[in-house]
N, C-alpha and C. Protein backbone atom coordinates (compact mmCIF):
# COMPACT_ATOMS: atom_id res chain seq x y z
N MET A 1 96.91 87.79 123.16
CA MET A 1 96.56 88.41 121.83
C MET A 1 97.67 89.35 121.45
N ASN A 2 97.92 89.36 120.16
CA ASN A 2 98.94 90.25 119.62
C ASN A 2 98.36 91.61 119.39
N SER A 3 99.16 92.60 119.34
CA SER A 3 98.70 93.92 118.93
C SER A 3 99.88 94.64 118.23
N TYR A 4 99.57 95.66 117.56
CA TYR A 4 100.58 96.43 116.83
C TYR A 4 101.11 97.55 117.70
N VAL A 5 102.10 97.26 118.49
CA VAL A 5 102.67 98.19 119.49
C VAL A 5 103.20 99.44 118.82
N HIS A 6 103.98 99.28 117.72
CA HIS A 6 104.61 100.40 117.09
C HIS A 6 103.55 101.27 116.39
N LEU A 7 102.55 100.66 115.79
CA LEU A 7 101.46 101.43 115.20
C LEU A 7 100.77 102.26 116.27
N THR A 8 100.38 101.65 117.40
CA THR A 8 99.67 102.41 118.41
C THR A 8 100.50 103.50 119.04
N ASP A 9 101.80 103.21 119.20
CA ASP A 9 102.79 104.27 119.69
C ASP A 9 102.82 105.44 118.72
N ALA A 10 102.94 105.15 117.42
CA ALA A 10 103.00 106.18 116.42
C ALA A 10 101.69 106.99 116.39
N MET A 11 100.57 106.29 116.56
CA MET A 11 99.31 107.00 116.62
C MET A 11 99.28 107.94 117.83
N LEU A 12 99.66 107.52 118.99
CA LEU A 12 99.71 108.35 120.18
C LEU A 12 100.61 109.56 119.97
N GLN A 13 101.81 109.33 119.47
CA GLN A 13 102.79 110.39 119.28
C GLN A 13 102.32 111.44 118.29
N ARG A 14 101.55 111.07 117.30
CA ARG A 14 101.16 111.97 116.22
C ARG A 14 99.71 112.45 116.30
N GLY A 15 99.01 111.98 117.32
CA GLY A 15 97.62 112.32 117.46
C GLY A 15 96.75 111.74 116.41
N VAL A 16 97.08 110.60 115.85
CA VAL A 16 96.24 109.89 114.92
C VAL A 16 95.24 109.06 115.69
N ILE A 17 93.98 109.16 115.38
CA ILE A 17 92.92 108.39 116.06
C ILE A 17 92.32 107.39 115.12
N LEU A 18 91.55 106.49 115.67
CA LEU A 18 90.90 105.45 114.92
C LEU A 18 90.10 105.99 113.71
N LYS A 19 89.43 107.08 113.94
CA LYS A 19 88.70 107.69 112.84
C LYS A 19 89.53 108.07 111.68
N ASP A 20 90.81 108.54 111.93
CA ASP A 20 91.68 108.86 110.88
C ASP A 20 92.06 107.61 110.02
N ILE A 21 92.32 106.52 110.69
CA ILE A 21 92.67 105.27 109.96
C ILE A 21 91.44 104.73 109.26
N ALA A 22 90.28 104.82 109.94
CA ALA A 22 89.04 104.39 109.34
C ALA A 22 88.70 105.17 108.07
N SER A 23 89.01 106.48 108.09
CA SER A 23 88.78 107.30 106.91
C SER A 23 89.72 106.91 105.77
N VAL A 24 90.97 106.69 106.09
CA VAL A 24 91.92 106.25 105.04
C VAL A 24 91.47 104.90 104.40
N LEU A 25 91.04 103.98 105.23
CA LEU A 25 90.64 102.65 104.76
C LEU A 25 89.21 102.57 104.33
N GLN A 26 88.43 103.61 104.57
CA GLN A 26 87.00 103.60 104.28
C GLN A 26 86.32 102.44 104.91
N MET A 27 86.47 102.34 106.25
CA MET A 27 85.77 101.28 107.05
C MET A 27 85.42 101.86 108.39
N SER A 28 84.71 101.14 109.19
CA SER A 28 84.21 101.62 110.48
C SER A 28 85.40 101.67 111.51
N ASP A 29 85.17 102.47 112.54
CA ASP A 29 86.11 102.53 113.66
C ASP A 29 86.26 101.15 114.32
N ILE A 30 85.16 100.49 114.43
CA ILE A 30 85.17 99.17 115.08
C ILE A 30 85.99 98.17 114.33
N ALA A 31 85.87 98.18 112.97
CA ALA A 31 86.67 97.33 112.12
C ALA A 31 88.16 97.62 112.31
N VAL A 32 88.52 98.92 112.30
CA VAL A 32 89.91 99.23 112.52
C VAL A 32 90.41 98.86 113.91
N TYR A 33 89.58 99.06 114.90
CA TYR A 33 89.98 98.68 116.26
C TYR A 33 90.27 97.16 116.33
N LYS A 34 89.40 96.36 115.68
CA LYS A 34 89.63 94.89 115.69
C LYS A 34 90.92 94.54 114.98
N LYS A 35 91.28 95.27 114.01
CA LYS A 35 92.54 95.09 113.27
C LYS A 35 93.74 95.44 114.15
N ILE A 36 93.65 96.60 114.83
CA ILE A 36 94.76 97.09 115.65
C ILE A 36 95.03 96.13 116.86
N ILE A 37 93.98 95.54 117.39
CA ILE A 37 94.17 94.58 118.47
C ILE A 37 94.45 93.15 117.99
N ALA A 38 94.50 93.03 116.65
CA ALA A 38 94.84 91.79 115.93
C ALA A 38 93.75 90.77 116.16
N GLU A 39 92.55 91.17 116.40
CA GLU A 39 91.37 90.24 116.36
C GLU A 39 91.09 89.85 114.95
N THR A 40 91.25 90.75 114.01
CA THR A 40 91.25 90.45 112.58
C THR A 40 92.53 90.98 112.01
N SER A 41 92.88 90.67 110.73
CA SER A 41 94.10 91.02 110.15
C SER A 41 94.00 92.19 109.20
N PHE A 42 95.09 93.00 109.20
CA PHE A 42 95.22 93.96 108.12
C PHE A 42 95.65 93.23 106.87
N THR A 43 95.13 93.66 105.74
CA THR A 43 95.66 93.14 104.45
C THR A 43 96.92 93.93 104.18
N PHE A 44 97.76 93.44 103.30
CA PHE A 44 98.97 94.17 102.94
C PHE A 44 98.63 95.50 102.32
N GLU A 45 97.58 95.57 101.50
CA GLU A 45 97.17 96.84 100.92
C GLU A 45 96.72 97.81 101.97
N GLU A 46 96.01 97.37 102.98
CA GLU A 46 95.51 98.28 104.09
C GLU A 46 96.70 98.80 104.83
N ALA A 47 97.66 97.92 105.18
CA ALA A 47 98.86 98.32 105.92
C ALA A 47 99.66 99.37 105.13
N LYS A 48 99.85 99.08 103.88
CA LYS A 48 100.62 99.97 103.00
C LYS A 48 99.99 101.31 102.88
N LYS A 49 98.65 101.36 102.79
CA LYS A 49 97.92 102.60 102.68
C LYS A 49 98.06 103.44 103.94
N ILE A 50 97.91 102.76 105.11
CA ILE A 50 98.13 103.50 106.39
C ILE A 50 99.48 104.04 106.47
N GLN A 51 100.47 103.26 106.20
CA GLN A 51 101.90 103.65 106.28
C GLN A 51 102.19 104.80 105.31
N SER A 52 101.76 104.72 104.09
CA SER A 52 102.19 105.68 103.08
C SER A 52 101.42 107.03 103.29
N ILE A 53 100.21 107.01 103.81
CA ILE A 53 99.46 108.26 104.01
C ILE A 53 99.71 108.84 105.37
N LEU A 54 99.74 108.08 106.39
CA LEU A 54 99.77 108.60 107.74
C LEU A 54 101.18 108.60 108.41
N PHE A 55 102.02 107.62 107.98
CA PHE A 55 103.31 107.44 108.68
C PHE A 55 104.40 107.17 107.59
N PRO A 56 104.57 108.05 106.64
CA PRO A 56 105.48 107.79 105.49
C PRO A 56 106.95 107.66 105.94
N ASP A 57 107.29 108.18 107.08
CA ASP A 57 108.71 108.18 107.55
C ASP A 57 108.96 106.95 108.37
N ILE A 58 108.02 106.07 108.64
CA ILE A 58 108.22 104.84 109.41
C ILE A 58 108.08 103.67 108.49
N SER A 59 108.97 102.70 108.58
CA SER A 59 108.92 101.57 107.70
C SER A 59 107.74 100.74 107.94
N LEU A 60 107.21 100.16 106.91
CA LEU A 60 106.03 99.26 106.97
C LEU A 60 106.29 98.10 107.91
N THR A 61 107.43 97.50 107.80
CA THR A 61 107.80 96.31 108.64
C THR A 61 107.77 96.70 110.09
N TYR A 62 108.40 97.77 110.46
CA TYR A 62 108.43 98.23 111.81
C TYR A 62 107.04 98.61 112.39
N LEU A 63 106.31 99.31 111.56
CA LEU A 63 104.99 99.84 112.00
C LEU A 63 104.01 98.67 112.26
N PHE A 64 104.10 97.61 111.48
CA PHE A 64 103.18 96.53 111.65
C PHE A 64 103.77 95.26 112.26
N GLU A 65 104.91 95.47 112.95
CA GLU A 65 105.47 94.34 113.76
C GLU A 65 104.49 94.08 114.94
N THR A 66 104.16 92.85 115.20
CA THR A 66 103.26 92.51 116.25
C THR A 66 104.00 92.36 117.60
N GLN A 67 103.26 92.50 118.66
CA GLN A 67 103.87 92.52 119.99
C GLN A 67 104.65 91.25 120.28
N ASP A 68 104.25 90.12 119.82
CA ASP A 68 104.92 88.88 120.17
C ASP A 68 106.28 88.79 119.53
N LYS A 69 106.54 89.67 118.49
CA LYS A 69 107.81 89.68 117.83
C LYS A 69 108.76 90.81 118.31
N VAL A 70 108.25 91.70 119.13
CA VAL A 70 109.02 92.88 119.59
C VAL A 70 110.05 92.37 120.56
N SER A 71 111.35 92.70 120.32
CA SER A 71 112.40 92.30 121.22
C SER A 71 112.43 93.19 122.44
N PRO A 72 112.75 92.58 123.62
CA PRO A 72 112.86 93.43 124.84
C PRO A 72 114.08 94.32 124.78
N GLY A 73 113.99 95.44 125.36
CA GLY A 73 115.13 96.34 125.52
C GLY A 73 115.22 97.19 124.25
């Protein structure tokens, strides 16, 4: 299963929790969790909102790159 490694790393580094993202997206913690572990998908609008509000200094493409696409090293 894919996951958003860079998103979860940025969350850990900045102390952003599921409730913060859920608040931004106006959805439940469980719905956000399912999106982060890639059980369901983020829409472009959701991803852009998370990036612009919580991580404006990190590119959208980098933040939402999935684990299967991350290069080793």
